[in-house]
Amino acid sequence: MISVRTLLLSVLLVSATLAGCAAFEDDGLDDCALEVERTDETPVGVPLIDMSEIENQIVRQTIKDAYHNETRERYAISLNERELDAVQAELKSHSSDDGYDFYTRYEGQIMQFGLLCGL
């Protein structure tokens, strides 16, 4: 026969495990960031998007911030769910391939940008 103490410890262990999994799921692998980096050229066949065609303010501002941050070649900002949806919509409007890197020219510098997920 199982003692009450053993049963309570088992319930406590299962509850703690489930709570830990839920916390990991909320903060875990679904996090995404918009990453921007300076580059010297675009790959052959990849179009250069005109900055005036980029409507999403998060994307536009992140490109500008990355350009003005001369201490790092790569620049990334974390996105909440609402921001992620808006950025994904912007990126999809320029391509049908979700894994695609995008390129634009800002102040004469070619900037590569895209989503980095699973952080």
Protein backbone atom coordinates (compact mmCIF):
# COMPACT_ATOMS: atom_id res chain seq x y z
CA MET A 1 0.00 0.00 0.00
CA ILE A 2 1.26 3.50 -0.91
CA SER A 3 1.68 5.82 2.02
CA VAL A 4 0.09 9.25 2.06
CA ARG A 5 3.53 10.83 2.29
CA THR A 6 4.74 9.03 -0.87
CA LEU A 7 1.58 9.99 -2.71
CA LEU A 8 1.90 13.66 -1.69
CA LEU A 9 5.57 13.74 -2.72
CA SER A 10 4.67 12.25 -6.11
CA VAL A 11 1.91 14.81 -6.65
CA LEU A 12 4.26 17.62 -5.62
CA LEU A 13 6.98 16.39 -7.99
CA VAL A 14 4.56 16.11 -10.92
CA SER A 15 3.13 19.58 -10.19
CA ALA A 16 6.59 21.14 -10.01
CA THR A 17 7.60 19.44 -13.26
CA LEU A 18 4.47 20.67 -15.05
CA ALA A 19 4.95 24.21 -13.73
CA GLY A 20 8.57 24.19 -14.89
CA CYS A 21 7.60 22.94 -18.34
CA ALA A 22 4.92 25.62 -18.65
CA ALA A 23 7.37 28.34 -17.67
CA PHE A 24 9.95 27.04 -20.14
CA GLU A 25 7.34 26.89 -22.89
CA ASP A 26 6.28 30.51 -22.30
CA ASP A 27 9.82 31.88 -22.31
CA GLY A 28 11.50 29.24 -24.39
CA LEU A 29 12.18 28.35 -27.95
CA ASP A 30 9.51 30.47 -29.62
CA ASP A 31 11.30 33.76 -28.91
CA CYS A 32 12.34 35.67 -32.01
CA ALA A 33 14.46 38.69 -32.73
CA LEU A 34 14.81 40.95 -35.72
CA GLU A 35 18.49 40.80 -36.66
CA VAL A 36 20.24 43.36 -38.84
CA GLU A 37 23.85 43.38 -39.95
CA ARG A 38 26.06 45.37 -42.26
CA THR A 39 27.29 43.61 -45.38
CA ASP A 40 29.34 44.50 -48.41
CA GLU A 41 27.17 42.91 -51.09
CA THR A 42 23.99 41.01 -51.81
CA PRO A 43 24.05 37.41 -53.02
CA VAL A 44 23.55 36.93 -56.77
CA GLY A 45 19.88 37.05 -57.71
CA VAL A 46 18.71 38.49 -54.40
CA PRO A 47 16.88 41.79 -54.84
CA LEU A 48 17.80 44.91 -52.91
CA ILE A 49 14.63 46.27 -51.27
CA ASP A 50 14.22 50.02 -51.40
CA MET A 51 13.89 51.46 -47.87
CA SER A 52 10.80 53.36 -49.01
CA GLU A 53 9.10 49.99 -49.62
CA ILE A 54 9.57 48.91 -45.99
CA GLU A 55 6.42 50.03 -44.20
CA ASN A 56 6.83 48.41 -40.78
CA GLN A 57 8.23 50.96 -38.31
CA ILE A 58 9.96 48.31 -36.20
CA VAL A 59 11.91 47.07 -39.22
CA ARG A 60 12.71 50.60 -40.41
CA GLN A 61 13.86 51.78 -36.98
CA THR A 62 15.94 48.65 -36.34
CA ILE A 63 17.76 49.11 -39.65
CA LYS A 64 18.46 52.75 -38.75
CA ASP A 65 19.62 51.82 -35.24
CA ALA A 66 21.89 49.10 -36.60
CA TYR A 67 23.41 51.52 -39.09
CA HIS A 68 24.13 54.11 -36.39
CA ASN A 69 25.54 51.52 -33.96
CA GLU A 70 29.11 51.29 -35.18
CA THR A 71 30.32 49.14 -32.28
CA ARG A 72 28.61 45.97 -33.54
CA GLU A 73 28.27 44.52 -37.01
CA ARG A 74 25.18 42.57 -35.96
CA TYR A 75 22.27 44.19 -34.19
CA ALA A 76 19.14 42.44 -32.91
CA ILE A 77 16.02 43.34 -30.96
CA SER A 78 13.66 40.91 -29.25
CA LEU A 79 10.09 40.93 -30.47
CA ASN A 80 6.92 40.33 -28.51
CA GLU A 81 4.13 38.34 -30.15
CA ARG A 82 2.35 41.39 -31.63
CA GLU A 83 5.60 42.82 -32.99
CA LEU A 84 6.61 39.43 -34.39
CA ASP A 85 3.32 39.14 -36.29
CA ALA A 86 3.78 42.61 -37.78
CA VAL A 87 7.41 41.98 -38.75
CA GLN A 88 6.55 38.60 -40.29
CA ALA A 89 3.81 40.26 -42.35
CA GLU A 90 6.32 42.86 -43.58
CA LEU A 91 8.88 40.21 -44.53
CA LYS A 92 6.29 38.03 -46.27
CA SER A 93 5.20 41.02 -48.35
CA HIS A 94 8.68 41.02 -49.91
CA SER A 95 9.09 37.25 -50.37
CA SER A 96 7.19 33.98 -50.21
CA ASP A 97 10.11 32.16 -48.50
CA ASP A 98 10.07 32.48 -44.68
CA GLY A 99 13.75 31.64 -44.28
CA TYR A 100 14.89 34.37 -46.62
CA ASP A 101 17.36 37.07 -45.69
CA PHE A 102 16.47 40.55 -46.91
CA TYR A 103 18.74 43.33 -48.08
CA THR A 104 18.29 47.07 -48.28
CA ARG A 105 20.52 50.09 -48.68
CA TYR A 106 20.51 52.68 -45.92
CA GLU A 107 22.74 55.76 -46.17
CA GLY A 108 24.83 53.98 -48.81
CA GLN A 109 25.40 50.87 -46.65
CA ILE A 110 23.89 47.50 -47.59
CA MET A 111 22.04 46.07 -44.59
CA GLN A 112 20.95 42.43 -44.32
CA PHE A 113 17.95 41.72 -42.11
CA GLY A 114 15.72 38.84 -41.12
CA LEU A 115 14.20 36.94 -38.23
CA LEU A 116 16.26 34.86 -35.84
CA CYS A 117 14.03 32.48 -33.87
CA GLY A 118 14.53 29.81 -31.25
CA LEU A 119 16.62 31.97 -28.96
